Amino acid sequence: MKRLYTHTLIGAFFILLASCSSGKTDSEQTNSNERKGSPTPVMVTTAPATTKTFYHELLCNGTVEAGRMAKITFEAQGIIELIPIANGQMVQKGQLLAQLNNREQQMALERAQTALQRAKVEMKHLMLGYSDTSNLSAQILKTARIKSGLSEAELSVKEQEYKLGKTSIYAPFPGRVVNLKAKLHNPTTSYEYFCQIVDEHSFQVSFSVLESELQMATEGTQLEVYPFSNPNLRAKGKITEVNRMVDENGMVAITAELTQTHKNIIPGMNVRVLVRRAMPNQLVIPVEGLARRQNRDVVFVMHDSLAHWQYVTVGPRNTKEAVITEGLKEGDKAIITGNATIGHEAWVREEE
């Protein structure tokens, strides 16, 4: 009897202990199950689909050229006596660039001037037979000028003055001196040309586009240019010439004028050309909002707290934006970050 009573107390103790333990565990288990049943939302950012002007972009390689550049040649032969300029120097229109030894040309001019004086004396002798030379016919005067040698002497003076003028070389327009290779006290025959003058207020860019991209490169289309050596340096321009002929490589040559220049952009520089064509009234989203699912373009649109997978038709795109022609409407909140791994009707929350 005593043993039975002892067993009964022990049994009651374990039942009470189990009841207490069971109650605590059930509560914890319930909270755990609630946490497991509520998945953590994916944090995303969104951008609304907006109707705006879209800029279709085409990226090409090009070369800067001088819109106005003169190769200064030697029109007279002789020894170079003076070079008052240097490479890289800015010069004004009419500024002296070089002077040749011109003693021979000066003497030739003096001889021509002396011959002109003799011809004038001879002309006066021929006119002594006429009491009134003011009424002489043009034919008589012309004959007298030829017989006296006056016409030929006047022409000879002009010719020698012209030759003497060619021994001095002047800048044809304002610009910068480049490719100056001639040296003092050397004959002009040692050089193909004296130097070049570049007008740095008139630059152009030459580049080529594929024939399939020709519709992007029409006259008047705006563009931007930036050197390979300095991508942060930008200059604006517009297309001025389209050579409407496809070469053997399927390319079309384009020329653009820079409407905005910079001191660090110089002829011969290799540049990137960004052609921008305006397309008004386009439905646009950031390009980050595009995803690929089942080999189709998809945009995840946020409705309340869910991401809805919507197939879209994508039009032109540039480095920042894409045109959506089908599948979205204006104001749809396109998910642009956090959309790489989510699926249809995923639980999402927008980052604040």
Protein backbone atom coordinates (compact mmCIF):
# COMPACT_ATOMS: atom_id res chain seq x y z
CA MET A 1 0.00 0.00 0.00
CA LYS A 2 2.80 2.37 0.88
CA ARG A 3 4.60 1.44 -2.37
CA LEU A 4 1.46 2.15 -4.38
CA TYR A 5 1.11 5.58 -2.73
CA THR A 6 4.72 6.39 -3.55
CA HIS A 7 4.27 5.42 -7.19
CA THR A 8 1.15 7.55 -7.38
CA LEU A 9 3.01 10.66 -6.11
CA ILE A 10 5.88 10.12 -8.53
CA GLY A 11 3.45 9.72 -11.43
CA ALA A 12 1.59 12.88 -10.50
CA PHE A 13 4.89 14.82 -10.32
CA PHE A 14 5.94 13.79 -13.82
CA ILE A 15 2.49 14.58 -15.25
CA LEU A 16 2.66 18.08 -13.71
CA LEU A 17 6.21 18.55 -15.01
CA ALA A 18 5.25 17.40 -18.50
CA SER A 19 2.24 19.72 -18.46
CA CYS A 20 4.38 22.74 -17.58
CA SER A 21 7.07 21.87 -20.15
CA SER A 22 4.45 21.17 -22.81
CA GLY A 23 2.75 24.51 -22.31
CA LYS A 24 5.99 26.49 -22.74
CA THR A 25 7.08 24.56 -25.82
CA ASP A 26 3.71 24.96 -27.55
CA SER A 27 3.91 28.73 -27.17
CA GLU A 28 7.43 28.91 -28.56
CA GLN A 29 6.52 26.54 -31.37
CA THR A 30 3.52 28.66 -32.29
CA ASN A 31 5.69 31.81 -32.58
CA SER A 32 8.26 29.91 -34.63
CA ASN A 33 5.58 28.62 -37.00
CA GLU A 34 4.23 32.14 -37.42
CA ARG A 35 7.68 33.39 -38.36
CA LYS A 36 8.19 30.56 -40.82
CA GLY A 37 4.76 31.16 -42.40
CA SER A 38 5.52 34.86 -43.10
CA PRO A 39 8.43 35.12 -45.67
CA THR A 40 10.75 38.14 -45.54
CA PRO A 41 9.91 40.65 -48.32
CA VAL A 42 12.51 41.48 -50.97
CA MET A 43 13.64 45.09 -50.72
CA VAL A 44 13.28 46.88 -54.08
CA THR A 45 13.26 50.32 -55.66
CA THR A 46 10.85 51.41 -58.37
CA ALA A 47 10.51 54.02 -61.08
CA PRO A 48 7.27 54.98 -62.87
CA ALA A 49 6.84 54.39 -66.58
CA THR A 50 6.80 57.90 -68.04
CA THR A 51 5.84 59.39 -71.39
CA LYS A 52 8.65 61.72 -72.44
CA THR A 53 11.14 62.55 -75.17
CA PHE A 54 13.53 59.63 -75.58
CA TYR A 55 17.00 60.08 -77.07
CA HIS A 56 18.06 57.20 -79.27
CA GLU A 57 21.83 56.86 -79.00
CA LEU A 58 24.46 55.55 -81.39
CA LEU A 59 28.08 55.20 -80.26
CA CYS A 60 30.92 55.39 -82.83
CA ASN A 61 34.64 56.02 -83.06
CA GLY A 62 35.83 59.15 -84.85
CA THR A 63 38.72 61.50 -85.50
CA VAL A 64 38.89 65.25 -84.93
CA GLU A 65 39.87 67.30 -87.98
CA ALA A 66 40.35 70.99 -88.53
CA GLY A 67 37.42 72.53 -90.36
CA ARG A 68 39.82 75.15 -91.73
CA MET A 69 43.50 74.28 -92.11
CA ALA A 70 46.03 75.73 -94.53
CA LYS A 71 49.25 74.11 -95.69
CA ILE A 72 51.68 77.00 -96.14
CA THR A 73 53.97 76.31 -99.09
CA PHE A 74 56.94 78.18 -100.58
CA GLU A 75 55.78 80.06 -103.69
CA ALA A 76 59.28 81.44 -104.22
CA GLN A 77 62.58 79.63 -104.04
CA GLY A 78 65.51 80.81 -101.95
CA ILE A 79 67.24 80.70 -98.58
CA ILE A 80 65.10 81.06 -95.43
CA GLU A 81 66.30 84.21 -93.69
CA LEU A 82 63.76 84.76 -90.91
CA ILE A 83 61.27 82.58 -88.97
CA PRO A 84 59.63 84.74 -86.26
CA ILE A 85 57.17 82.01 -85.14
CA ALA A 86 57.27 78.62 -83.41
CA ASN A 87 55.21 75.45 -83.32
CA GLY A 88 52.08 75.84 -81.23
CA GLN A 89 52.06 79.64 -81.45
CA MET A 90 48.83 81.53 -82.16
CA VAL A 91 49.05 83.95 -85.09
CA GLN A 92 46.76 86.60 -86.54
CA LYS A 93 45.65 87.04 -90.13
CA GLY A 94 48.40 88.78 -92.11
CA GLN A 95 51.13 88.11 -89.53
CA LEU A 96 54.58 87.43 -90.96
CA LEU A 97 55.48 83.72 -90.79
CA ALA A 98 58.76 83.63 -92.71
CA GLN A 99 61.04 85.77 -94.82
CA LEU A 100 63.26 84.53 -97.65
CA ASN A 101 66.41 86.20 -98.87
CA ASN A 102 65.01 88.52 -101.55
CA ARG A 103 67.99 90.52 -102.86
CA GLU A 104 67.65 88.94 -106.30
CA GLN A 105 63.96 89.85 -106.50
CA GLN A 106 64.66 93.42 -105.36
CA MET A 107 67.27 93.92 -108.05
CA ALA A 108 64.90 92.50 -110.66
CA LEU A 109 62.26 94.98 -109.53
CA GLU A 110 64.72 97.88 -109.76
CA ARG A 111 65.63 96.86 -113.32
CA ALA A 112 61.96 96.73 -114.23
CA GLN A 113 61.35 100.16 -112.72
CA THR A 114 64.29 101.60 -114.70
CA ALA A 115 62.89 100.09 -117.90
CA LEU A 116 59.55 101.66 -117.07
CA GLN A 117 61.12 105.11 -116.79
CA ARG A 118 62.78 104.68 -120.22
CA ALA A 119 59.45 103.61 -121.71
CA LYS A 120 57.74 106.69 -120.30
CA VAL A 121 60.40 108.93 -121.91
CA GLU A 122 59.94 107.14 -125.23
CA MET A 123 56.19 107.60 -124.94
CA LYS A 124 56.61 111.34 -124.53
CA HIS A 125 58.76 111.48 -127.67
CA LEU A 126 56.07 109.70 -129.64
CA MET A 127 53.46 112.15 -128.42
CA LEU A 128 55.44 115.24 -129.53
CA GLY A 129 53.91 115.03 -132.98
CA TYR A 130 50.44 115.63 -131.59
CA SER A 131 49.43 119.11 -130.50
CA ASP A 132 46.43 117.88 -128.49
CA THR A 133 46.80 114.41 -127.03
CA SER A 134 43.54 114.63 -125.10
CA ASN A 135 41.50 113.93 -128.23
CA LEU A 136 43.57 111.01 -129.49
CA SER A 137 41.71 107.81 -130.19
CA ALA A 138 42.16 104.77 -127.98
CA GLN A 139 43.72 102.87 -130.88
CA ILE A 140 46.42 105.50 -131.42
CA LEU A 141 47.26 105.55 -127.70
CA LYS A 142 47.42 101.79 -127.58
CA THR A 143 49.77 101.69 -130.57
CA ALA A 144 52.01 104.34 -129.02
CA ARG A 145 52.20 102.46 -125.72
CA ILE A 146 53.26 99.31 -127.52
CA LYS A 147 55.86 101.09 -129.73
CA SER A 148 57.34 102.87 -126.70
CA GLY A 149 57.47 99.68 -124.65
CA LEU A 150 55.38 101.33 -121.89
CA SER A 151 52.79 98.55 -121.68
CA GLU A 152 55.44 95.87 -121.41
CA ALA A 153 57.45 97.84 -118.84
CA GLU A 154 54.40 98.38 -116.62
CA LEU A 155 53.60 94.69 -116.79
CA SER A 156 57.19 93.80 -115.94
CA VAL A 157 57.10 96.00 -112.82
CA LYS A 158 53.89 94.32 -111.65
CA GLU A 159 55.45 90.90 -112.24
CA GLN A 160 58.59 91.72 -110.24
CA GLU A 161 56.54 93.25 -107.42
CA TYR A 162 54.51 90.02 -107.31
CA LYS A 163 57.66 87.86 -107.17
CA LEU A 164 59.15 90.03 -104.44
CA GLY A 165 55.93 89.72 -102.42
CA LYS A 166 56.16 85.92 -102.54
CA THR A 167 59.42 85.99 -100.61
CA SER A 168 57.44 87.04 -97.51
CA ILE A 169 55.00 84.46 -96.12
CA TYR A 170 51.95 85.64 -94.16
CA ALA A 171 49.18 83.89 -92.22
CA PRO A 172 46.02 83.57 -94.34
CA PHE A 173 43.72 83.56 -91.28
CA PRO A 174 43.96 83.49 -87.47
CA GLY A 175 45.02 80.16 -86.06
CA ARG A 176 47.72 78.02 -84.47
CA VAL A 177 51.01 77.04 -86.09
CA VAL A 178 51.54 73.27 -86.40
CA ASN A 179 53.97 71.00 -88.23
CA LEU A 180 56.62 73.71 -88.59
CA LYS A 181 59.72 71.83 -89.76
CA ALA A 182 61.67 74.40 -91.78
CA LYS A 183 64.91 75.75 -90.32
CA LEU A 184 66.76 79.02 -90.76
CA HIS A 185 69.49 79.35 -93.45
CA ASN A 186 68.20 76.35 -95.38
CA PRO A 187 66.93 76.38 -98.96
CA THR A 188 63.19 76.15 -99.47
CA THR A 189 63.71 73.14 -101.75
CA SER A 190 64.61 71.09 -98.66
CA TYR A 191 61.00 71.10 -97.48
CA GLU A 192 57.68 69.99 -98.91
CA TYR A 193 55.96 72.89 -97.17
CA PHE A 194 56.74 75.49 -94.52
CA CYS A 195 54.06 74.84 -91.85
CA GLN A 196 50.32 74.49 -91.34
CA ILE A 197 47.85 76.91 -89.78
CA VAL A 198 44.87 75.46 -87.92
CA ASP A 199 41.77 77.45 -87.07
CA GLU A 200 40.87 76.10 -83.61
CA HIS A 201 37.45 77.74 -83.73
CA SER A 202 36.40 75.45 -86.56
CA PHE A 203 36.70 71.73 -85.80
CA GLN A 204 34.90 68.79 -87.33
CA VAL A 205 34.72 65.07 -86.62
CA SER A 206 34.81 62.29 -89.20
CA PHE A 207 33.30 58.91 -88.36
CA SER A 208 31.43 56.04 -90.01
CA VAL A 209 28.18 54.22 -89.30
CA LEU A 210 26.78 50.92 -90.50
CA GLU A 211 24.33 51.16 -93.36
CA SER A 212 21.65 49.75 -91.03
CA GLU A 213 22.26 52.71 -88.68
CA LEU A 214 22.10 55.39 -91.37
CA GLN A 215 18.62 56.55 -90.28
CA MET A 216 20.23 57.68 -87.02
CA ALA A 217 22.82 59.87 -88.76
CA THR A 218 20.91 62.47 -90.74
CA GLU A 219 21.98 66.05 -91.36
CA GLY A 220 21.31 68.29 -88.38
CA THR A 221 21.30 65.43 -85.84
CA GLN A 222 22.87 66.49 -82.54
CA LEU A 223 25.81 64.60 -81.05
CA GLU A 224 28.43 64.66 -78.31
CA VAL A 225 32.16 64.01 -78.62
CA TYR A 226 34.60 62.99 -75.91
CA PRO A 227 38.27 61.97 -76.28
CA PHE A 228 39.44 58.46 -75.42
CA SER A 229 42.13 60.11 -73.30
CA ASN A 230 39.63 62.12 -71.24
CA PRO A 231 36.06 60.72 -71.16
CA ASN A 232 34.99 63.51 -68.79
CA LEU A 233 35.66 66.14 -71.44
CA ARG A 234 32.61 66.68 -73.65
CA ALA A 235 31.95 68.82 -76.71
CA LYS A 236 28.71 69.20 -78.66
CA GLY A 237 28.20 69.16 -82.39
CA LYS A 238 25.82 68.37 -85.24
CA ILE A 239 26.01 66.33 -88.42
CA THR A 240 26.67 68.52 -91.46
CA GLU A 241 27.50 66.02 -94.19
CA VAL A 242 26.48 62.46 -95.06
CA ASN A 243 28.43 60.76 -97.84
CA ARG A 244 25.57 58.71 -99.26
CA MET A 245 27.70 55.81 -100.47
CA VAL A 246 28.25 52.48 -98.73
CA ASP A 247 31.87 51.34 -98.86
CA GLU A 248 33.17 47.77 -99.19
CA ASN A 249 32.92 47.33 -95.41
CA GLY A 250 29.26 48.30 -95.27
CA MET A 251 30.02 51.70 -93.72
CA VAL A 252 28.84 55.22 -94.55
CA ALA A 253 31.15 58.21 -93.94
CA ILE A 254 29.73 61.02 -91.78
CA THR A 255 31.09 64.50 -91.01
CA ALA A 256 29.98 66.60 -88.06
CA GLU A 257 30.81 70.16 -87.07
CA LEU A 258 31.68 70.86 -83.46
CA THR A 259 29.47 73.70 -82.26
CA GLN A 260 31.32 73.72 -78.94
CA THR A 261 35.11 73.48 -78.78
CA HIS A 262 37.61 73.01 -75.97
CA LYS A 263 41.30 73.87 -75.71
CA ASN A 264 42.14 70.21 -75.01
CA ILE A 265 40.46 68.95 -78.18
CA ILE A 266 42.96 69.11 -81.03
CA PRO A 267 43.15 67.84 -84.65
CA GLY A 268 44.00 64.18 -85.06
CA MET A 269 42.56 63.24 -81.66
CA ASN A 270 40.67 59.93 -81.44
CA VAL A 271 37.23 60.42 -79.94
CA ARG A 272 34.00 58.63 -79.13
CA VAL A 273 30.98 60.04 -80.94
CA LEU A 274 27.57 59.79 -79.26
CA VAL A 275 24.79 60.48 -81.77
CA ARG A 276 21.49 61.43 -80.11
CA ARG A 277 18.17 61.51 -82.02
CA ALA A 278 15.08 62.83 -80.21
CA MET A 279 11.95 60.63 -80.24
CA PRO A 280 9.05 62.52 -78.59
CA ASN A 281 6.10 60.94 -76.73
CA GLN A 282 7.68 57.61 -75.85
CA LEU A 283 6.81 55.44 -72.83
CA VAL A 284 10.14 55.10 -71.04
CA ILE A 285 11.53 53.22 -68.03
CA PRO A 286 15.10 52.96 -66.69
CA VAL A 287 17.01 50.24 -68.53
CA GLU A 288 17.67 48.50 -65.18
CA GLY A 289 13.96 47.59 -65.08
CA LEU A 290 14.33 45.10 -67.93
CA ALA A 291 14.77 41.40 -67.16
CA ARG A 292 14.77 38.18 -69.21
CA ARG A 293 12.48 35.29 -68.39
CA GLN A 294 11.80 32.36 -70.72
CA ASN A 295 13.77 34.15 -73.47
CA ARG A 296 11.42 37.13 -73.38
CA ASP A 297 11.69 40.67 -72.05
CA VAL A 298 9.95 41.10 -68.72
CA VAL A 299 9.27 44.01 -66.39
CA PHE A 300 8.24 43.42 -62.77
CA VAL A 301 5.56 45.90 -61.80
CA MET A 302 4.82 46.53 -58.12
CA HIS A 303 1.11 46.37 -57.14
CA ASP A 304 0.55 46.89 -53.42
CA SER A 305 3.23 44.59 -51.95
CA LEU A 306 3.47 42.11 -54.84
CA ALA A 307 5.70 41.99 -57.90
CA HIS A 308 3.73 41.18 -61.05
CA TRP A 309 5.63 39.66 -63.94
CA GLN A 310 4.60 41.37 -67.23
CA TYR A 311 5.89 40.56 -70.68
CA VAL A 312 6.83 43.68 -72.65
CA THR A 313 7.92 44.69 -76.13
CA VAL A 314 11.05 46.81 -76.02
CA GLY A 315 11.79 49.53 -78.57
CA PRO A 316 15.01 51.54 -78.84
CA ARG A 317 17.20 51.80 -75.78
CA ASN A 318 20.21 53.84 -74.74
CA THR A 319 22.65 53.60 -71.86
CA LYS A 320 20.08 54.82 -69.32
CA GLU A 321 16.54 54.27 -70.61
CA ALA A 322 14.45 51.94 -72.76
CA VAL A 323 11.27 52.51 -74.75
CA ILE A 324 8.37 50.14 -73.98
CA THR A 325 5.97 49.79 -76.91
CA GLU A 326 3.69 47.12 -75.39
CA GLY A 327 3.03 45.64 -71.94
CA LEU A 328 3.08 48.72 -69.69
CA LYS A 329 1.01 51.83 -69.19
CA GLU A 330 2.02 55.23 -67.93
CA GLY A 331 2.45 55.34 -64.16
CA ASP A 332 3.20 51.62 -63.70
CA LYS A 333 5.83 51.23 -60.97
CA ALA A 334 8.61 49.26 -62.63
CA ILE A 335 10.97 47.52 -60.21
CA ILE A 336 14.51 48.58 -61.12
CA THR A 337 16.56 47.03 -58.29
CA GLY A 338 16.03 43.68 -56.60
CA ASN A 339 14.38 42.25 -59.71
CA ALA A 340 17.15 39.80 -60.60
CA THR A 341 15.93 36.87 -58.50
CA ILE A 342 12.24 37.51 -57.73
CA GLY A 343 9.36 35.65 -59.34
CA HIS A 344 5.72 36.37 -60.14
CA GLU A 345 3.73 37.65 -57.14
CA ALA A 346 6.82 37.78 -54.96
CA TRP A 347 6.38 39.73 -51.72
CA VAL A 348 8.33 42.98 -52.05
CA ARG A 349 8.80 46.13 -50.06
CA GLU A 350 10.05 49.44 -51.45
CA GLU A 351 13.14 50.88 -49.85
CA GLU A 352 12.59 54.22 -48.20
